[in-house]
Amino acid sequence: MLQALEVDFGPAFDLFAPTQYNPWGFFQRRDVLSANNRLLHSAGCSADFPADPEEILRRADPTCLLPVALDWRSDKRTWGLKDPRFSATLLTWIERGRIDSEGLVLVNVSRKNEATAASILRFPIMATLLPKVNAGNVTALVDRYRELAAWHVSRLGLPTLSVCLEDLIQSPQQEVEKLAHFTRCTKPSAIETAVQSTDRKRVLQLYFMQRSV
């Protein structure tokens, strides 16, 4: 939806490719995900259960962030970075000068704990990204990321829009319009495309049609 609302997530070659689980795409950059993992490991933790943001800032090796290519960002366009690990690492990205907090806004997406936990356990890729997570501790992981995201929202004081997935599915037009206003997108065609992207059945049909061509 954010991409439909003209948020630039950078060159497509370094984005994870769409799959049947995320037919629009993951909109996560490989170099950002790798840098966040290295940053967490250098601070003595991992994505399986991240440390507190201030501890990561204090203990992590800031050179882990240097290989990330951010020169594609433009002042003329709204750009975006997506990675759940930012819930723990965003403070370090800002304090180490890799992301400027000036003009920065946060979109905080949430969904019910049970659905989030089920999603993590269902997607095959998650077993690779979170090798220590299982049915016994996945709820604790979800609670941890929710806690860390709330910390950043509270402590950084940046403009934040909280998006509840269940509300989005139930009232897509209303919720997308909120998102469009927050990102300053006024183009009706972009807003309509963003609304249509909430129709998962339609998106899946488009995905499999493209794969068969």
C-alpha atoms as a PDB file:
ATOM      1  CA  MET A   1       0.000   0.000   0.000  1.00  0.00           C
ATOM      2  CA  LEU A   2       2.795   2.412   0.810  1.00  0.00           C
ATOM      3  CA  GLN A   3       4.419   1.740  -2.534  1.00  0.00           C
ATOM      4  CA  ALA A   4       1.068   2.343  -4.241  1.00  0.00           C
ATOM      5  CA  LEU A   5       0.966   5.646  -2.343  1.00  0.00           C
ATOM      6  CA  GLU A   6       4.272   6.548  -4.043  1.00  0.00           C
ATOM      7  CA  VAL A   7       6.661   5.659  -1.236  1.00  0.00           C
ATOM      8  CA  ASP A   8       9.993   4.637  -2.781  1.00  0.00           C
ATOM      9  CA  PHE A   9      11.556   1.490  -1.272  1.00  0.00           C
ATOM     10  CA  GLY A  10      14.606   1.657  -3.512  1.00  0.00           C
ATOM     11  CA  PRO A  11      15.918  -0.340  -6.477  1.00  0.00           C
ATOM     12  CA  ALA A  12      14.014  -3.562  -7.062  1.00  0.00           C
ATOM     13  CA  PHE A  13      17.140  -5.687  -7.572  1.00  0.00           C
ATOM     14  CA  ASP A  14      17.909  -5.709  -3.846  1.00  0.00           C
ATOM     15  CA  LEU A  15      14.353  -6.278  -2.637  1.00  0.00           C
ATOM     16  CA  PHE A  16      13.187  -9.753  -1.678  1.00  0.00           C
ATOM     17  CA  ALA A  17      11.123 -11.140  -4.545  1.00  0.00           C
ATOM     18  CA  PRO A  18       7.348 -11.672  -4.228  1.00  0.00           C
ATOM     19  CA  THR A  19       6.071 -15.115  -3.263  1.00  0.00           C
ATOM     20  CA  GLN A  20       2.659 -16.709  -2.874  1.00  0.00           C
ATOM     21  CA  TYR A  21       2.764 -15.577   0.773  1.00  0.00           C
ATOM     22  CA  ASN A  22       3.474 -11.925  -0.071  1.00  0.00           C
ATOM     23  CA  PRO A  23       2.347 -11.570  -3.697  1.00  0.00           C
ATOM     24  CA  TRP A  24       2.925  -7.799  -3.824  1.00  0.00           C
ATOM     25  CA  GLY A  25       6.419  -8.341  -2.449  1.00  0.00           C
ATOM     26  CA  PHE A  26       8.126  -8.073   0.929  1.00  0.00           C
ATOM     27  CA  PHE A  27       9.547  -4.565   0.362  1.00  0.00           C
ATOM     28  CA  GLN A  28      12.520  -5.482   2.521  1.00  0.00           C
ATOM     29  CA  ARG A  29      16.033  -4.766   1.308  1.00  0.00           C
ATOM     30  CA  ARG A  30      18.581  -7.558   1.618  1.00  0.00           C
ATOM     31  CA  ASP A  31      21.366  -5.192   2.668  1.00  0.00           C
ATOM     32  CA  VAL A  32      19.186  -3.617   5.389  1.00  0.00           C
ATOM     33  CA  LEU A  33      18.126  -6.999   6.774  1.00  0.00           C
ATOM     34  CA  SER A  34      21.729  -8.251   6.772  1.00  0.00           C
ATOM     35  CA  ALA A  35      22.981  -5.071   8.432  1.00  0.00           C
ATOM     36  CA  ASN A  36      20.345  -5.299  11.161  1.00  0.00           C
ATOM     37  CA  ASN A  37      21.232  -8.937  11.815  1.00  0.00           C
ATOM     38  CA  ARG A  38      24.944  -8.105  12.028  1.00  0.00           C
ATOM     39  CA  LEU A  39      24.197  -5.158  14.291  1.00  0.00           C
ATOM     40  CA  LEU A  40      22.161  -7.319  16.669  1.00  0.00           C
ATOM     41  CA  HIS A  41      24.797 -10.056  16.748  1.00  0.00           C
ATOM     42  CA  SER A  42      27.533  -7.509  17.459  1.00  0.00           C
ATOM     43  CA  ALA A  43      25.461  -6.351  20.446  1.00  0.00           C
ATOM     44  CA  GLY A  44      25.279  -9.917  21.764  1.00  0.00           C
ATOM     45  CA  CYS A  45      21.693 -10.675  20.754  1.00  0.00           C
ATOM     46  CA  SER A  46      19.730 -11.683  17.664  1.00  0.00           C
ATOM     47  CA  ALA A  47      16.444 -11.156  15.855  1.00  0.00           C
ATOM     48  CA  ASP A  48      15.052 -14.077  17.859  1.00  0.00           C
ATOM     49  CA  PHE A  49      14.962 -11.888  20.980  1.00  0.00           C
ATOM     50  CA  PRO A  50      16.536  -8.419  20.552  1.00  0.00           C
ATOM     51  CA  ALA A  51      18.068  -6.443  23.381  1.00  0.00           C
ATOM     52  CA  ASP A  52      16.808  -3.012  24.456  1.00  0.00           C
ATOM     53  CA  PRO A  53      17.469  -0.237  21.885  1.00  0.00           C
ATOM     54  CA  GLU A  54      19.777   1.712  24.223  1.00  0.00           C
ATOM     55  CA  GLU A  55      21.800  -1.423  24.947  1.00  0.00           C
ATOM     56  CA  ILE A  56      22.140  -2.112  21.237  1.00  0.00           C
ATOM     57  CA  LEU A  57      23.304   1.480  20.685  1.00  0.00           C
ATOM     58  CA  ARG A  58      25.882   1.105  23.454  1.00  0.00           C
ATOM     59  CA  ARG A  59      27.227  -2.335  22.547  1.00  0.00           C
ATOM     60  CA  ALA A  60      26.776  -2.776  18.788  1.00  0.00           C
ATOM     61  CA  ASP A  61      29.477  -2.236  16.170  1.00  0.00           C
ATOM     62  CA  PRO A  62      28.296   0.764  14.102  1.00  0.00           C
ATOM     63  CA  THR A  63      30.412  -0.296  11.125  1.00  0.00           C
ATOM     64  CA  CYS A  64      27.787  -3.007  10.503  1.00  0.00           C
ATOM     65  CA  LEU A  65      25.628  -0.263   8.979  1.00  0.00           C
ATOM     66  CA  LEU A  66      28.226   1.143   6.593  1.00  0.00           C
ATOM     67  CA  PRO A  67      27.734  -1.330   3.683  1.00  0.00           C
ATOM     68  CA  VAL A  68      24.046  -0.405   3.326  1.00  0.00           C
ATOM     69  CA  ALA A  69      23.404   1.549   0.121  1.00  0.00           C
ATOM     70  CA  LEU A  70      21.114   4.491   0.805  1.00  0.00           C
ATOM     71  CA  ASP A  71      22.169   6.786  -2.046  1.00  0.00           C
ATOM     72  CA  TRP A  72      18.981   5.918  -3.973  1.00  0.00           C
ATOM     73  CA  ARG A  73      16.926   8.043  -1.601  1.00  0.00           C
ATOM     74  CA  SER A  74      15.809  11.379  -2.971  1.00  0.00           C
ATOM     75  CA  ASP A  75      14.600  14.583  -1.353  1.00  0.00           C
ATOM     76  CA  LYS A  76      12.051  14.802  -4.164  1.00  0.00           C
ATOM     77  CA  ARG A  77      10.313  11.587  -3.211  1.00  0.00           C
ATOM     78  CA  THR A  78       9.025   9.967  -0.058  1.00  0.00           C
ATOM     79  CA  TRP A  79      11.273   6.992   0.658  1.00  0.00           C
ATOM     80  CA  GLY A  80      10.712   4.065   2.993  1.00  0.00           C
ATOM     81  CA  LEU A  81      12.606   1.303   4.763  1.00  0.00           C
ATOM     82  CA  LYS A  82      10.888  -1.757   6.148  1.00  0.00           C
ATOM     83  CA  ASP A  83      12.308  -4.367   8.507  1.00  0.00           C
ATOM     84  CA  PRO A  84      10.767  -5.613  11.770  1.00  0.00           C
ATOM     85  CA  ARG A  85      14.266  -5.418  13.286  1.00  0.00           C
ATOM     86  CA  PHE A  86      13.996  -1.636  13.209  1.00  0.00           C
ATOM     87  CA  SER A  87      11.769  -2.122  16.251  1.00  0.00           C
ATOM     88  CA  ALA A  88      15.047  -2.753  18.088  1.00  0.00           C
ATOM     89  CA  THR A  89      17.702  -1.036  15.962  1.00  0.00           C
ATOM     90  CA  LEU A  90      16.211   2.242  14.700  1.00  0.00           C
ATOM     91  CA  LEU A  91      17.753   4.252  17.547  1.00  0.00           C
ATOM     92  CA  THR A  92      21.215   3.074  16.489  1.00  0.00           C
ATOM     93  CA  TRP A  93      20.618   3.911  12.808  1.00  0.00           C
ATOM     94  CA  ILE A  94      19.667   7.442  13.829  1.00  0.00           C
ATOM     95  CA  GLU A  95      22.354   8.017  16.458  1.00  0.00           C
ATOM     96  CA  ARG A  96      25.093   6.634  14.188  1.00  0.00           C
ATOM     97  CA  GLY A  97      24.074   8.969  11.391  1.00  0.00           C
ATOM     98  CA  ARG A  98      22.761   6.460   8.858  1.00  0.00           C
ATOM     99  CA  ILE A  99      19.156   7.717   9.044  1.00  0.00           C
ATOM    100  CA  ASP A 100      18.380  11.385   9.633  1.00  0.00           C
ATOM    101  CA  SER A 101      15.517  11.894  12.056  1.00  0.00           C
ATOM    102  CA  GLU A 102      14.684  15.233  10.432  1.00  0.00           C
ATOM    103  CA  GLY A 103      11.461  14.673   8.514  1.00  0.00           C
ATOM    104  CA  LEU A 104      11.346  11.015   9.544  1.00  0.00           C
ATOM    105  CA  VAL A 105       7.939   9.481  10.267  1.00  0.00           C
ATOM    106  CA  LEU A 106       6.980   6.020  11.492  1.00  0.00           C
ATOM    107  CA  VAL A 107       4.258   3.687  10.262  1.00  0.00           C
ATOM    108  CA  ASN A 108       3.699   1.148  13.026  1.00  0.00           C
ATOM    109  CA  VAL A 109       1.755  -1.883  11.766  1.00  0.00           C
ATOM    110  CA  SER A 110       0.211  -4.338  14.198  1.00  0.00           C
ATOM    111  CA  ARG A 111      -2.183  -7.242  14.219  1.00  0.00           C
ATOM    112  CA  LYS A 112      -3.601  -9.570  16.848  1.00  0.00           C
ATOM    113  CA  ASN A 113      -0.965 -11.614  18.665  1.00  0.00           C
ATOM    114  CA  GLU A 114      -2.499 -14.961  17.730  1.00  0.00           C
ATOM    115  CA  ALA A 115      -2.575 -14.137  14.019  1.00  0.00           C
ATOM    116  CA  THR A 116       0.971 -12.774  14.094  1.00  0.00           C
ATOM    117  CA  ALA A 117       2.287 -15.876  15.838  1.00  0.00           C
ATOM    118  CA  ALA A 118       0.490 -18.180  13.401  1.00  0.00           C
ATOM    119  CA  SER A 119       1.893 -16.222  10.465  1.00  0.00           C
ATOM    120  CA  ILE A 120       5.474 -16.514  11.741  1.00  0.00           C
ATOM    121  CA  LEU A 121       5.141 -20.272  12.187  1.00  0.00           C
ATOM    122  CA  ARG A 122       3.414 -20.796   8.821  1.00  0.00           C
ATOM    123  CA  PHE A 123       5.853 -19.057   6.468  1.00  0.00           C
ATOM    124  CA  PRO A 124       8.831 -21.271   5.517  1.00  0.00           C
ATOM    125  CA  ILE A 125      11.190 -18.290   5.236  1.00  0.00           C
ATOM    126  CA  MET A 126      10.707 -17.468   8.915  1.00  0.00           C
ATOM    127  CA  ALA A 127      12.440 -20.675   9.962  1.00  0.00           C
ATOM    128  CA  THR A 128      15.562 -19.287   8.292  1.00  0.00           C
ATOM    129  CA  LEU A 129      15.206 -15.740   9.569  1.00  0.00           C
ATOM    130  CA  LEU A 130      14.267 -16.757  13.135  1.00  0.00           C
ATOM    131  CA  PRO A 131      15.849 -20.197  13.681  1.00  0.00           C
ATOM    132  CA  LYS A 132      15.277 -20.265  17.451  1.00  0.00           C
ATOM    133  CA  VAL A 133      11.580 -19.431  17.268  1.00  0.00           C
ATOM    134  CA  ASN A 134       9.059 -22.234  17.731  1.00  0.00           C
ATOM    135  CA  ALA A 135       5.479 -22.771  18.871  1.00  0.00           C
ATOM    136  CA  GLY A 136       6.582 -22.572  22.495  1.00  0.00           C
ATOM    137  CA  ASN A 137       8.167 -19.113  22.388  1.00  0.00           C
ATOM    138  CA  VAL A 138       6.644 -17.340  19.377  1.00  0.00           C
ATOM    139  CA  THR A 139       4.149 -15.406  21.520  1.00  0.00           C
ATOM    140  CA  ALA A 140       7.008 -14.057  23.632  1.00  0.00           C
ATOM    141  CA  LEU A 141       8.749 -12.949  20.433  1.00  0.00           C
ATOM    142  CA  VAL A 142       5.639 -11.091  19.226  1.00  0.00           C
ATOM    143  CA  ASP A 143       5.266  -9.398  22.612  1.00  0.00           C
ATOM    144  CA  ARG A 144       8.941  -8.402  22.548  1.00  0.00           C
ATOM    145  CA  TYR A 145       8.754  -6.737  19.135  1.00  0.00           C
ATOM    146  CA  ARG A 146       5.570  -4.952  20.131  1.00  0.00           C
ATOM    147  CA  GLU A 147       7.317  -3.670  23.263  1.00  0.00           C
ATOM    148  CA  LEU A 148      10.363  -2.486  21.315  1.00  0.00           C
ATOM    149  CA  ALA A 149       8.269  -0.721  18.681  1.00  0.00           C
ATOM    150  CA  ALA A 150       6.308   1.055  21.414  1.00  0.00           C
ATOM    151  CA  TRP A 151       9.589   2.157  23.015  1.00  0.00           C
ATOM    152  CA  HIS A 152      10.709   3.865  19.803  1.00  0.00           C
ATOM    153  CA  VAL A 153       7.345   5.526  19.297  1.00  0.00           C
ATOM    154  CA  SER A 154       7.400   6.856  22.856  1.00  0.00           C
ATOM    155  CA  ARG A 155      11.065   7.851  23.189  1.00  0.00           C
ATOM    156  CA  LEU A 156      11.821   9.262  19.733  1.00  0.00           C
ATOM    157  CA  GLY A 157       8.718  11.417  19.600  1.00  0.00           C
ATOM    158  CA  LEU A 158       8.481  11.142  15.816  1.00  0.00           C
ATOM    159  CA  PRO A 159       5.168  11.528  13.966  1.00  0.00           C
ATOM    160  CA  THR A 160       3.659   8.042  13.989  1.00  0.00           C
ATOM    161  CA  LEU A 161       0.678   6.420  12.331  1.00  0.00           C
ATOM    162  CA  SER A 162      -0.420   3.146  13.915  1.00  0.00           C
ATOM    163  CA  VAL A 163      -2.107   0.779  11.475  1.00  0.00           C
ATOM    164  CA  CYS A 164      -4.075  -2.228  12.720  1.00  0.00           C
ATOM    165  CA  LEU A 165      -4.249  -4.962  10.090  1.00  0.00           C
ATOM    166  CA  GLU A 166      -7.680  -6.120  11.208  1.00  0.00           C
ATOM    167  CA  ASP A 167      -9.075  -2.580  10.858  1.00  0.00           C
ATOM    168  CA  LEU A 168      -7.446  -2.274   7.454  1.00  0.00           C
ATOM    169  CA  ILE A 169      -9.104  -5.434   6.169  1.00  0.00           C
ATOM    170  CA  GLN A 170     -12.476  -4.436   7.596  1.00  0.00           C
ATOM    171  CA  SER A 171     -12.441  -0.801   6.419  1.00  0.00           C
ATOM    172  CA  PRO A 172      -9.820  -0.518   3.648  1.00  0.00           C
ATOM    173  CA  GLN A 173     -11.024   2.760   2.147  1.00  0.00           C
ATOM    174  CA  GLN A 174     -11.029   4.561   5.474  1.00  0.00           C
ATOM    175  CA  GLU A 175      -7.692   3.188   6.636  1.00  0.00           C
ATOM    176  CA  VAL A 176      -5.929   3.757   3.307  1.00  0.00           C
ATOM    177  CA  GLU A 177      -7.129   7.352   3.254  1.00  0.00           C
ATOM    178  CA  LYS A 178      -5.559   7.839   6.689  1.00  0.00           C
ATOM    179  CA  LEU A 179      -2.316   6.395   5.349  1.00  0.00           C
ATOM    180  CA  ALA A 180      -2.468   8.588   2.240  1.00  0.00           C
ATOM    181  CA  HIS A 181      -2.977  11.697   4.358  1.00  0.00           C
ATOM    182  CA  PHE A 182      -0.055  10.724   6.585  1.00  0.00           C
ATOM    183  CA  THR A 183       2.265  10.202   3.606  1.00  0.00           C
ATOM    184  CA  ARG A 184       0.905  13.308   1.839  1.00  0.00           C
ATOM    185  CA  CYS A 185      -0.283  11.371  -1.179  1.00  0.00           C
ATOM    186  CA  THR A 186      -3.222  13.136  -2.836  1.00  0.00           C
ATOM    187  CA  LYS A 187      -3.387  11.281  -6.158  1.00  0.00           C
ATOM    188  CA  PRO A 188      -6.807   9.516  -6.420  1.00  0.00           C
ATOM    189  CA  SER A 189      -5.461   6.749  -8.690  1.00  0.00           C
ATOM    190  CA  ALA A 190      -2.703   5.931  -6.195  1.00  0.00           C
ATOM    191  CA  ILE A 191      -5.180   5.779  -3.336  1.00  0.00           C
ATOM    192  CA  GLU A 192      -7.476   3.484  -5.337  1.00  0.00           C
ATOM    193  CA  THR A 193      -4.569   1.156  -6.152  1.00  0.00           C
ATOM    194  CA  ALA A 194      -3.662   1.043  -2.462  1.00  0.00           C
ATOM    195  CA  VAL A 195      -7.247   0.144  -1.557  1.00  0.00           C
ATOM    196  CA  GLN A 196      -7.300  -2.633  -4.161  1.00  0.00           C
ATOM    197  CA  SER A 197      -4.077  -4.064  -2.735  1.00  0.00           C
ATOM    198  CA  THR A 198      -5.982  -5.039   0.428  1.00  0.00           C
ATOM    199  CA  ASP A 199      -7.977  -7.598  -1.586  1.00  0.00           C
ATOM    200  CA  ARG A 200      -5.738 -10.595  -0.987  1.00  0.00           C
ATOM    201  CA  LYS A 201      -7.730 -12.934  -3.260  1.00  0.00           C
ATOM    202  CA  ARG A 202      -7.384 -10.531  -6.179  1.00  0.00           C
ATOM    203  CA  VAL A 203      -3.689  -9.983  -5.486  1.00  0.00           C
ATOM    204  CA  LEU A 204      -3.026 -13.726  -5.401  1.00  0.00           C
ATOM    205  CA  GLN A 205      -4.812 -14.156  -8.730  1.00  0.00           C
ATOM    206  CA  LEU A 206      -2.631 -11.453 -10.276  1.00  0.00           C
ATOM    207  CA  TYR A 207       0.492 -13.054  -8.806  1.00  0.00           C
ATOM    208  CA  PHE A 208      -0.213 -16.500 -10.263  1.00  0.00           C
ATOM    209  CA  MET A 209      -1.226 -14.994 -13.606  1.00  0.00           C
ATOM    210  CA  GLN A 210       2.127 -13.176 -13.798  1.00  0.00           C
ATOM    211  CA  ARG A 211       4.022 -16.324 -12.825  1.00  0.00           C
ATOM    212  CA  SER A 212       2.345 -18.296 -15.612  1.00  0.00           C
ATOM    213  CA  VAL A 213       3.164 -15.768 -18.349  1.00  0.00           C
END
